[in-house]
Amino acid sequence: MPTPPSFLPQKGRYRDLIAFQKAECIYDITFYFAHHFLERGDRTIDQMIQAARSGKQNIAEGTAAATTSRETEIKLLNVARASLQELLIDYEDYLRVRDLEQWSLGSEKTSQARRVCWKHNDSAFYREAIKVRTPETIANIAITLIHQADSLLRKLIEAAKAAFLREGGIREEMSRARRAAREQGY
C-alpha cells in the first residue's frame, strides 16, 4: 500500500526565530531591571515582567499553533506585539518621570545600540552587559530591542497572512491531502 500524502507540516520552531530570541533578551533585561531599579512593592515590577513574559510566550505559542491555525498564530503574534508595546511605554515612563534621557532616533547612542542589538540575540550577552550599565542605558537598550522585536513580529504576521492566502487554513490543507490520498489509491 502506498504511503499517504503528508499534510500539516509541523511548525513551531520558535527558538530559531530572531523575534523570539530578542523577546527572550527583553524578558531577561526586564527581569533584572525591574528587580534592581524599581522600588520594592511597586506594582510596575510585576506588570513589566508579565508584559515581557507575554511577548516571549505568545511568540512561542503562536508559532506552535500555526500547525493547525494561521488565525491563532496571527492573533498570538499580535498579542506579543501588544505586550511589548505596553512594556515599551513602561520603559519610556521610567525615563520620563525620572528626568532621564530617552535616546533620540538619530543619536549616536541609539545608532550604537541598534548595531549591538542587531548583532546579539543571546540573552546571556545582555545579562552580563547590563550588570555594569546605568538604569538609563539599560532602559534605552530595552527600548531598542523592543523596536527591533516589533519590526520582526510585523514581518512574521505579514508572512503568516500571506501563507494563509496562499495555502488556506487547516480545512483546505486537509481537503487537499484527502484528494491526493484518493488519487494515489490510499
N, C-alpha and C. Protein backbone atom coordinates (compact mmCIF):
# COMPACT_ATOMS: atom_id res chain seq x y z
N MET A 1 0.86 -1.19 0.00
CA MET A 1 0.00 0.00 0.00
C MET A 1 0.89 1.24 0.00
N PRO A 2 0.56 2.23 -0.84
CA PRO A 2 1.38 3.45 -0.89
C PRO A 2 1.28 4.24 0.41
N THR A 3 2.31 5.04 0.62
CA THR A 3 2.34 5.92 1.80
C THR A 3 1.39 7.08 1.57
N PRO A 4 0.55 7.38 2.57
CA PRO A 4 -0.38 8.50 2.37
C PRO A 4 0.38 9.82 2.28
N PRO A 5 -0.18 10.76 1.54
CA PRO A 5 0.48 12.06 1.42
C PRO A 5 0.54 12.73 2.80
N SER A 6 1.60 13.46 3.00
CA SER A 6 1.77 14.17 4.26
C SER A 6 1.04 15.50 4.21
N PHE A 7 0.46 15.87 5.32
CA PHE A 7 -0.12 17.20 5.43
C PHE A 7 0.09 17.69 6.85
N LEU A 8 -0.20 18.92 7.09
CA LEU A 8 0.06 19.59 8.36
C LEU A 8 1.53 19.50 8.77
N PRO A 9 2.41 20.07 7.96
CA PRO A 9 3.81 20.06 8.37
C PRO A 9 3.96 20.76 9.72
N GLN A 10 4.73 20.14 10.57
CA GLN A 10 4.88 20.68 11.92
C GLN A 10 5.63 22.01 11.88
N LYS A 11 5.07 22.96 12.59
CA LYS A 11 5.68 24.28 12.71
C LYS A 11 6.04 24.44 14.18
N GLY A 12 6.47 25.59 14.56
CA GLY A 12 6.71 25.83 15.97
C GLY A 12 8.17 25.90 16.37
N ARG A 13 9.05 26.03 15.42
CA ARG A 13 10.47 26.14 15.76
C ARG A 13 10.77 27.58 16.22
N TYR A 14 10.06 27.98 17.25
CA TYR A 14 10.12 29.37 17.71
C TYR A 14 11.50 29.77 18.20
N ARG A 15 12.26 28.83 18.75
CA ARG A 15 13.60 29.19 19.26
C ARG A 15 14.53 29.64 18.14
N ASP A 16 14.22 29.25 16.91
CA ASP A 16 15.02 29.66 15.76
C ASP A 16 14.66 31.07 15.27
N LEU A 17 13.53 31.59 15.71
CA LEU A 17 13.09 32.91 15.27
C LEU A 17 13.85 34.01 15.99
N ILE A 18 14.41 34.93 15.22
CA ILE A 18 15.13 36.05 15.82
C ILE A 18 14.18 36.87 16.70
N ALA A 19 12.92 36.97 16.31
CA ALA A 19 11.94 37.71 17.12
C ALA A 19 11.82 37.08 18.51
N PHE A 20 11.79 35.75 18.58
CA PHE A 20 11.72 35.07 19.88
C PHE A 20 13.01 35.30 20.67
N GLN A 21 14.15 35.19 20.00
CA GLN A 21 15.42 35.39 20.67
C GLN A 21 15.51 36.80 21.27
N LYS A 22 15.07 37.78 20.50
CA LYS A 22 15.08 39.17 21.01
C LYS A 22 14.09 39.31 22.17
N ALA A 23 12.92 38.67 22.06
CA ALA A 23 11.94 38.73 23.14
C ALA A 23 12.50 38.09 24.42
N GLU A 24 13.27 37.04 24.26
CA GLU A 24 13.90 36.42 25.44
C GLU A 24 14.92 37.38 26.06
N CYS A 25 15.68 38.07 25.24
CA CYS A 25 16.62 39.09 25.73
C CYS A 25 15.87 40.18 26.48
N ILE A 26 14.76 40.63 25.91
CA ILE A 26 13.94 41.67 26.53
C ILE A 26 13.43 41.20 27.88
N TYR A 27 12.98 39.96 27.95
CA TYR A 27 12.48 39.41 29.22
C TYR A 27 13.60 39.43 30.27
N ASP A 28 14.77 38.92 29.91
CA ASP A 28 15.87 38.85 30.87
C ASP A 28 16.30 40.24 31.35
N ILE A 29 16.38 41.18 30.42
CA ILE A 29 16.73 42.56 30.79
C ILE A 29 15.67 43.13 31.72
N THR A 30 14.41 42.92 31.37
CA THR A 30 13.31 43.47 32.17
C THR A 30 13.27 42.86 33.56
N PHE A 31 13.50 41.59 33.67
CA PHE A 31 13.52 40.93 34.98
C PHE A 31 14.59 41.58 35.86
N TYR A 32 15.78 41.76 35.31
CA TYR A 32 16.87 42.40 36.05
C TYR A 32 16.50 43.85 36.39
N PHE A 33 16.08 44.57 35.40
CA PHE A 33 15.77 46.00 35.55
C PHE A 33 14.71 46.22 36.63
N ALA A 34 13.62 45.49 36.53
CA ALA A 34 12.50 45.68 37.47
C ALA A 34 12.91 45.37 38.90
N HIS A 35 13.74 44.37 39.08
CA HIS A 35 14.16 44.00 40.44
C HIS A 35 15.28 44.86 40.99
N HIS A 36 16.00 45.54 40.13
CA HIS A 36 17.12 46.37 40.60
C HIS A 36 16.81 47.86 40.66
N PHE A 37 15.88 48.34 39.83
CA PHE A 37 15.70 49.79 39.73
C PHE A 37 14.30 50.29 40.07
N LEU A 38 13.40 49.39 40.35
CA LEU A 38 12.07 49.81 40.80
C LEU A 38 11.95 49.51 42.30
N GLU A 39 11.19 50.33 42.99
CA GLU A 39 11.07 50.17 44.44
C GLU A 39 10.27 48.92 44.77
N ARG A 40 10.74 48.22 45.76
CA ARG A 40 10.04 47.02 46.22
C ARG A 40 8.58 47.36 46.52
N GLY A 41 7.69 46.51 46.09
CA GLY A 41 6.27 46.74 46.29
C GLY A 41 5.60 47.52 45.18
N ASP A 42 6.38 48.06 44.26
CA ASP A 42 5.84 48.79 43.11
C ASP A 42 5.15 47.80 42.18
N ARG A 43 3.88 48.01 41.88
CA ARG A 43 3.13 47.11 41.00
C ARG A 43 3.73 47.05 39.60
N THR A 44 4.47 48.07 39.24
CA THR A 44 5.08 48.11 37.90
C THR A 44 6.05 46.94 37.71
N ILE A 45 6.65 46.48 38.79
CA ILE A 45 7.59 45.35 38.68
C ILE A 45 6.89 44.16 38.03
N ASP A 46 5.78 43.75 38.62
CA ASP A 46 5.05 42.61 38.08
C ASP A 46 4.50 42.89 36.68
N GLN A 47 4.01 44.11 36.49
CA GLN A 47 3.43 44.44 35.19
C GLN A 47 4.48 44.40 34.08
N MET A 48 5.66 44.94 34.35
CA MET A 48 6.71 44.93 33.33
C MET A 48 7.16 43.50 33.04
N ILE A 49 7.37 42.73 34.08
CA ILE A 49 7.83 41.35 33.89
C ILE A 49 6.77 40.54 33.14
N GLN A 50 5.50 40.73 33.50
CA GLN A 50 4.43 39.99 32.81
C GLN A 50 4.30 40.42 31.35
N ALA A 51 4.47 41.70 31.07
CA ALA A 51 4.41 42.16 29.67
C ALA A 51 5.56 41.55 28.87
N ALA A 52 6.76 41.52 29.45
CA ALA A 52 7.91 40.93 28.77
C ALA A 52 7.70 39.43 28.57
N ARG A 53 7.18 38.77 29.60
CA ARG A 53 6.90 37.34 29.51
C ARG A 53 5.85 37.06 28.44
N SER A 54 4.79 37.86 28.42
CA SER A 54 3.73 37.67 27.44
C SER A 54 4.26 37.84 26.02
N GLY A 55 5.15 38.81 25.82
CA GLY A 55 5.75 38.98 24.50
C GLY A 55 6.45 37.72 24.04
N LYS A 56 7.26 37.17 24.91
CA LYS A 56 8.03 35.97 24.58
C LYS A 56 7.12 34.74 24.44
N GLN A 57 6.27 34.50 25.40
CA GLN A 57 5.45 33.29 25.43
C GLN A 57 4.46 33.25 24.26
N ASN A 58 3.92 34.39 23.88
CA ASN A 58 2.95 34.40 22.79
C ASN A 58 3.59 34.14 21.44
N ILE A 59 4.86 34.48 21.30
CA ILE A 59 5.57 34.12 20.07
C ILE A 59 5.68 32.59 20.00
N ALA A 60 6.08 31.98 21.11
CA ALA A 60 6.21 30.52 21.14
C ALA A 60 4.87 29.84 20.90
N GLU A 61 3.85 30.28 21.60
CA GLU A 61 2.53 29.66 21.47
C GLU A 61 1.94 29.88 20.08
N GLY A 62 2.07 31.09 19.56
CA GLY A 62 1.54 31.38 18.23
C GLY A 62 2.22 30.58 17.15
N THR A 63 3.52 30.45 17.26
CA THR A 63 4.27 29.69 16.26
C THR A 63 3.89 28.21 16.31
N ALA A 64 3.72 27.68 17.51
CA ALA A 64 3.31 26.28 17.65
C ALA A 64 1.89 26.08 17.12
N ALA A 65 1.02 27.04 17.36
CA ALA A 65 -0.37 26.93 16.91
C ALA A 65 -0.48 26.99 15.39
N ALA A 66 0.54 27.49 14.71
CA ALA A 66 0.50 27.65 13.26
C ALA A 66 0.30 26.32 12.54
N THR A 67 0.65 25.22 13.18
CA THR A 67 0.46 23.91 12.55
C THR A 67 -0.99 23.70 12.16
N THR A 68 -1.91 24.12 13.02
CA THR A 68 -3.32 23.89 12.73
C THR A 68 -4.15 25.15 12.56
N SER A 69 -3.58 26.32 12.89
CA SER A 69 -4.39 27.53 12.80
C SER A 69 -3.57 28.77 12.54
N ARG A 70 -3.60 29.24 11.31
CA ARG A 70 -2.96 30.52 10.98
C ARG A 70 -3.65 31.65 11.73
N GLU A 71 -4.95 31.53 11.91
CA GLU A 71 -5.68 32.57 12.64
C GLU A 71 -5.14 32.72 14.05
N THR A 72 -4.96 31.61 14.75
CA THR A 72 -4.42 31.66 16.11
C THR A 72 -3.00 32.18 16.11
N GLU A 73 -2.22 31.75 15.13
CA GLU A 73 -0.84 32.24 15.01
C GLU A 73 -0.82 33.77 14.90
N ILE A 74 -1.63 34.29 14.00
CA ILE A 74 -1.67 35.75 13.77
C ILE A 74 -2.14 36.47 15.02
N LYS A 75 -3.18 35.95 15.64
CA LYS A 75 -3.70 36.58 16.86
C LYS A 75 -2.64 36.62 17.96
N LEU A 76 -1.96 35.50 18.18
CA LEU A 76 -0.98 35.44 19.28
C LEU A 76 0.26 36.27 18.97
N LEU A 77 0.67 36.34 17.72
CA LEU A 77 1.79 37.22 17.38
C LEU A 77 1.40 38.67 17.60
N ASN A 78 0.14 39.01 17.34
CA ASN A 78 -0.34 40.36 17.64
C ASN A 78 -0.39 40.62 19.14
N VAL A 79 -0.76 39.61 19.92
CA VAL A 79 -0.73 39.76 21.38
C VAL A 79 0.70 40.00 21.85
N ALA A 80 1.64 39.29 21.26
CA ALA A 80 3.05 39.50 21.61
C ALA A 80 3.46 40.94 21.33
N ARG A 81 3.09 41.44 20.17
CA ARG A 81 3.40 42.84 19.82
C ARG A 81 2.78 43.80 20.82
N ALA A 82 1.51 43.58 21.14
CA ALA A 82 0.81 44.47 22.07
C ALA A 82 1.46 44.45 23.45
N SER A 83 1.87 43.29 23.89
CA SER A 83 2.53 43.19 25.20
C SER A 83 3.85 43.95 25.20
N LEU A 84 4.60 43.82 24.12
CA LEU A 84 5.88 44.53 24.04
C LEU A 84 5.66 46.04 23.93
N GLN A 85 4.57 46.46 23.30
CA GLN A 85 4.25 47.89 23.24
C GLN A 85 3.93 48.42 24.63
N GLU A 86 3.20 47.63 25.42
CA GLU A 86 2.92 48.01 26.81
C GLU A 86 4.22 48.17 27.58
N LEU A 87 5.13 47.23 27.39
CA LEU A 87 6.43 47.29 28.06
C LEU A 87 7.23 48.51 27.60
N LEU A 88 7.19 48.81 26.32
CA LEU A 88 7.86 49.99 25.78
C LEU A 88 7.41 51.25 26.52
N ILE A 89 6.12 51.37 26.71
CA ILE A 89 5.58 52.55 27.40
C ILE A 89 6.09 52.60 28.84
N ASP A 90 6.19 51.45 29.50
CA ASP A 90 6.72 51.42 30.87
C ASP A 90 8.16 51.93 30.92
N TYR A 91 8.98 51.50 29.97
CA TYR A 91 10.37 51.99 29.93
C TYR A 91 10.41 53.50 29.64
N GLU A 92 9.59 53.94 28.69
CA GLU A 92 9.55 55.37 28.38
C GLU A 92 9.08 56.17 29.59
N ASP A 93 8.08 55.66 30.30
CA ASP A 93 7.60 56.33 31.52
C ASP A 93 8.70 56.41 32.57
N TYR A 94 9.42 55.31 32.74
CA TYR A 94 10.51 55.28 33.72
C TYR A 94 11.50 56.41 33.45
N LEU A 95 11.90 56.53 32.22
CA LEU A 95 12.87 57.57 31.85
C LEU A 95 12.28 58.97 32.03
N ARG A 96 11.07 59.18 31.55
CA ARG A 96 10.46 60.50 31.58
C ARG A 96 10.25 61.01 33.01
N VAL A 97 9.66 60.21 33.88
CA VAL A 97 9.33 60.70 35.23
C VAL A 97 10.57 60.87 36.11
N ARG A 98 11.67 60.30 35.69
CA ARG A 98 12.91 60.45 36.46
C ARG A 98 13.87 61.45 35.80
N ASP A 99 13.39 62.15 34.78
CA ASP A 99 14.19 63.11 34.04
C ASP A 99 15.47 62.50 33.49
N LEU A 100 15.36 61.26 33.01
CA LEU A 100 16.48 60.59 32.37
C LEU A 100 16.29 60.70 30.86
N GLU A 101 17.36 60.55 30.14
CA GLU A 101 17.30 60.73 28.68
C GLU A 101 16.81 59.47 27.98
N GLN A 102 15.80 59.66 27.13
CA GLN A 102 15.46 58.62 26.17
C GLN A 102 16.19 59.01 24.90
N TRP A 103 17.06 58.14 24.47
CA TRP A 103 17.90 58.46 23.33
C TRP A 103 17.04 58.74 22.10
N SER A 104 17.38 59.82 21.42
CA SER A 104 16.62 60.19 20.22
C SER A 104 16.98 59.26 19.07
N LEU A 105 16.09 59.21 18.12
CA LEU A 105 16.23 58.30 16.99
C LEU A 105 17.55 58.47 16.25
N GLY A 106 17.99 59.70 16.07
CA GLY A 106 19.20 59.96 15.30
C GLY A 106 20.48 60.06 16.11
N SER A 107 20.40 59.81 17.42
CA SER A 107 21.60 59.99 18.25
C SER A 107 22.63 58.89 18.00
N GLU A 108 23.86 59.21 18.31
CA GLU A 108 24.94 58.23 18.18
C GLU A 108 24.73 57.06 19.13
N LYS A 109 24.21 57.34 20.33
CA LYS A 109 23.94 56.27 21.30
C LYS A 109 22.92 55.28 20.74
N THR A 110 21.89 55.81 20.10
CA THR A 110 20.86 54.94 19.51
C THR A 110 21.46 54.13 18.37
N SER A 111 22.25 54.76 17.53
CA SER A 111 22.88 54.04 16.41
C SER A 111 23.77 52.92 16.91
N GLN A 112 24.53 53.21 17.94
CA GLN A 112 25.42 52.19 18.51
C GLN A 112 24.59 51.06 19.13
N ALA A 113 23.54 51.42 19.87
CA ALA A 113 22.69 50.40 20.49
C ALA A 113 22.04 49.52 19.42
N ARG A 114 21.58 50.13 18.35
CA ARG A 114 20.97 49.35 17.26
C ARG A 114 21.94 48.33 16.69
N ARG A 115 23.16 48.79 16.43
CA ARG A 115 24.17 47.88 15.86
C ARG A 115 24.43 46.71 16.80
N VAL A 116 24.63 47.01 18.07
CA VAL A 116 24.92 45.96 19.04
C VAL A 116 23.72 45.02 19.19
N CYS A 117 22.53 45.60 19.27
CA CYS A 117 21.33 44.77 19.46
C CYS A 117 21.02 43.90 18.24
N TRP A 118 21.31 44.38 17.02
CA TRP A 118 21.10 43.53 15.84
C TRP A 118 22.08 42.38 15.84
N LYS A 119 23.26 42.64 16.35
CA LYS A 119 24.33 41.63 16.33
C LYS A 119 24.12 40.54 17.37
N HIS A 120 23.52 40.88 18.50
CA HIS A 120 23.43 39.94 19.63
C HIS A 120 21.99 39.55 19.91
N ASN A 121 21.72 38.25 19.79
CA ASN A 121 20.39 37.72 20.09
C ASN A 121 20.44 36.71 21.23
N ASP A 122 21.57 36.64 21.91
CA ASP A 122 21.75 35.70 23.00
C ASP A 122 21.52 36.44 24.32
N SER A 123 20.54 35.99 25.07
CA SER A 123 20.20 36.69 26.31
C SER A 123 21.35 36.71 27.31
N ALA A 124 22.24 35.73 27.25
CA ALA A 124 23.39 35.71 28.17
C ALA A 124 24.27 36.94 27.96
N PHE A 125 24.39 37.38 26.71
CA PHE A 125 25.17 38.58 26.41
C PHE A 125 24.63 39.78 27.19
N TYR A 126 23.32 39.96 27.15
CA TYR A 126 22.69 41.11 27.82
C TYR A 126 22.70 40.96 29.34
N ARG A 127 22.48 39.75 29.83
CA ARG A 127 22.51 39.55 31.29
C ARG A 127 23.85 39.96 31.86
N GLU A 128 24.89 39.73 31.11
CA GLU A 128 26.23 40.12 31.58
C GLU A 128 26.46 41.62 31.36
N ALA A 129 26.11 42.12 30.20
CA ALA A 129 26.39 43.52 29.84
C ALA A 129 25.66 44.51 30.73
N ILE A 130 24.44 44.20 31.13
CA ILE A 130 23.66 45.18 31.89
C ILE A 130 24.12 45.33 33.33
N LYS A 131 24.91 44.40 33.81
CA LYS A 131 25.38 44.48 35.21
C LYS A 131 26.21 45.73 35.46
N VAL A 132 26.81 46.27 34.43
CA VAL A 132 27.69 47.44 34.60
C VAL A 132 27.11 48.70 33.93
N ARG A 133 25.82 48.66 33.59
CA ARG A 133 25.19 49.80 32.92
C ARG A 133 24.27 50.54 33.89
N THR A 134 24.03 51.80 33.57
CA THR A 134 23.12 52.61 34.37
C THR A 134 21.67 52.24 34.03
N PRO A 135 20.73 52.58 34.91
CA PRO A 135 19.33 52.31 34.58
C PRO A 135 18.91 53.01 33.28
N GLU A 136 19.42 54.21 33.04
CA GLU A 136 19.09 54.93 31.81
C GLU A 136 19.55 54.15 30.58
N THR A 137 20.75 53.65 30.62
CA THR A 137 21.29 52.89 29.49
C THR A 137 20.53 51.58 29.30
N ILE A 138 20.25 50.89 30.39
CA ILE A 138 19.53 49.62 30.29
C ILE A 138 18.14 49.85 29.70
N ALA A 139 17.44 50.88 30.16
CA ALA A 139 16.11 51.17 29.63
C ALA A 139 16.19 51.47 28.14
N ASN A 140 17.18 52.22 27.72
CA ASN A 140 17.32 52.54 26.30
C ASN A 140 17.70 51.32 25.47
N ILE A 141 18.48 50.42 26.01
CA ILE A 141 18.79 49.17 25.32
C ILE A 141 17.51 48.35 25.16
N ALA A 142 16.72 48.27 26.23
CA ALA A 142 15.45 47.54 26.16
C ALA A 142 14.53 48.16 25.11
N ILE A 143 14.46 49.46 25.09
CA ILE A 143 13.63 50.16 24.09
C ILE A 143 14.09 49.81 22.68
N THR A 144 15.39 49.80 22.47
CA THR A 144 15.94 49.45 21.15
C THR A 144 15.55 48.03 20.77
N LEU A 145 15.70 47.09 21.70
CA LEU A 145 15.34 45.70 21.42
C LEU A 145 13.84 45.54 21.17
N ILE A 146 13.03 46.28 21.90
CA ILE A 146 11.58 46.20 21.70
C ILE A 146 11.22 46.67 20.29
N HIS A 147 11.84 47.75 19.84
CA HIS A 147 11.57 48.23 18.47
C HIS A 147 12.00 47.18 17.44
N GLN A 148 13.13 46.55 17.67
CA GLN A 148 13.59 45.53 16.74
C GLN A 148 12.66 44.32 16.74
N ALA A 149 12.26 43.88 17.91
CA ALA A 149 11.33 42.74 18.01
C ALA A 149 10.01 43.08 17.34
N ASP A 150 9.53 44.30 17.53
CA ASP A 150 8.28 44.72 16.93
C ASP A 150 8.36 44.66 15.40
N SER A 151 9.46 45.13 14.85
CA SER A 151 9.64 45.08 13.40
C SER A 151 9.63 43.64 12.91
N LEU A 152 10.31 42.76 13.62
CA LEU A 152 10.35 41.35 13.23
C LEU A 152 8.97 40.70 13.36
N LEU A 153 8.25 41.05 14.42
CA LEU A 153 6.91 40.49 14.59
C LEU A 153 5.96 40.95 13.48
N ARG A 154 6.07 42.20 13.09
CA ARG A 154 5.24 42.68 11.97
C ARG A 154 5.52 41.85 10.71
N LYS A 155 6.78 41.54 10.46
CA LYS A 155 7.14 40.73 9.29
C LYS A 155 6.61 39.30 9.42
N LEU A 156 6.67 38.73 10.63
CA LEU A 156 6.13 37.39 10.83
C LEU A 156 4.62 37.36 10.60
N ILE A 157 3.94 38.39 11.07
CA ILE A 157 2.49 38.47 10.89
C ILE A 157 2.16 38.59 9.41
N GLU A 158 2.89 39.42 8.69
CA GLU A 158 2.66 39.56 7.25
C GLU A 158 2.92 38.24 6.53
N ALA A 159 3.96 37.53 6.93
CA ALA A 159 4.27 36.23 6.32
C ALA A 159 3.16 35.22 6.61
N ALA A 160 2.63 35.23 7.82
CA ALA A 160 1.54 34.32 8.18
C ALA A 160 0.27 34.65 7.37
N LYS A 161 0.01 35.93 7.21
CA LYS A 161 -1.15 36.34 6.41
C LYS A 161 -0.98 35.88 4.96
N ALA A 162 0.21 36.06 4.41
CA ALA A 162 0.47 35.64 3.03
C ALA A 162 0.36 34.12 2.90
N ALA A 163 0.85 33.39 3.88
CA ALA A 163 0.76 31.92 3.84
C ALA A 163 -0.70 31.48 3.88
N PHE A 164 -1.51 32.17 4.68
CA PHE A 164 -2.93 31.83 4.72
C PHE A 164 -3.57 32.07 3.36
N LEU A 165 -3.29 33.20 2.74
CA LEU A 165 -3.87 33.49 1.44
C LEU A 165 -3.41 32.49 0.38
N ARG A 166 -2.16 32.07 0.48
CA ARG A 166 -1.58 31.14 -0.48
C ARG A 166 -2.07 29.70 -0.24
N GLU A 167 -2.10 29.28 1.02
CA GLU A 167 -2.35 27.87 1.34
C GLU A 167 -3.73 27.61 1.95
N GLY A 168 -4.35 28.65 2.46
CA GLY A 168 -5.61 28.45 3.16
C GLY A 168 -5.37 28.00 4.59
N GLY A 169 -6.43 27.52 5.20
CA GLY A 169 -6.35 27.05 6.57
C GLY A 169 -6.30 25.54 6.63
N ILE A 170 -6.52 25.02 7.82
CA ILE A 170 -6.42 23.58 8.04
C ILE A 170 -7.44 22.80 7.21
N ARG A 171 -8.64 23.35 7.05
CA ARG A 171 -9.66 22.63 6.28
C ARG A 171 -9.23 22.46 4.82
N GLU A 172 -8.67 23.53 4.25
CA GLU A 172 -8.20 23.42 2.87
C GLU A 172 -7.04 22.43 2.77
N GLU A 173 -6.13 22.47 3.74
CA GLU A 173 -5.00 21.54 3.72
C GLU A 173 -5.48 20.10 3.83
N MET A 174 -6.44 19.87 4.71
CA MET A 174 -6.96 18.52 4.89
C MET A 174 -7.69 18.04 3.64
N SER A 175 -8.43 18.92 3.01
CA SER A 175 -9.14 18.56 1.76
C SER A 175 -8.14 18.22 0.67
N ARG A 176 -7.10 19.03 0.52
CA ARG A 176 -6.07 18.75 -0.49
C ARG A 176 -5.41 17.39 -0.22
N ALA A 177 -5.09 17.14 1.04
CA ALA A 177 -4.44 15.88 1.40
C ALA A 177 -5.37 14.69 1.12
N ARG A 178 -6.64 14.85 1.42
CA ARG A 178 -7.61 13.78 1.19
C ARG A 178 -7.74 13.49 -0.31
N ARG A 179 -7.81 14.54 -1.12
CA ARG A 179 -7.89 14.34 -2.58
C ARG A 179 -6.63 13.64 -3.09
N ALA A 180 -5.48 14.10 -2.60
CA ALA A 180 -4.21 13.49 -3.04
C ALA A 180 -4.14 12.02 -2.62
N ALA A 181 -4.64 11.71 -1.45
CA ALA A 181 -4.64 10.32 -0.98
C ALA A 181 -5.52 9.45 -1.88
N ARG A 182 -6.68 9.98 -2.24
CA ARG A 182 -7.57 9.23 -3.15
C ARG A 182 -6.91 8.99 -4.49
N GLU A 183 -6.25 10.04 -5.00
CA GLU A 183 -5.59 9.91 -6.31
C GLU A 183 -4.48 8.87 -6.28
N GLN A 184 -3.86 8.70 -5.14
CA GLN A 184 -2.76 7.72 -5.01
C GLN A 184 -3.29 6.34 -4.62
N GLY A 185 -4.60 6.23 -4.49
CA GLY A 185 -5.19 4.93 -4.17
C GLY A 185 -5.06 4.56 -2.71
N TYR A 186 -4.90 5.54 -1.88
CA TYR A 186 -4.78 5.25 -0.45
C TYR A 186 -6.12 5.17 0.19
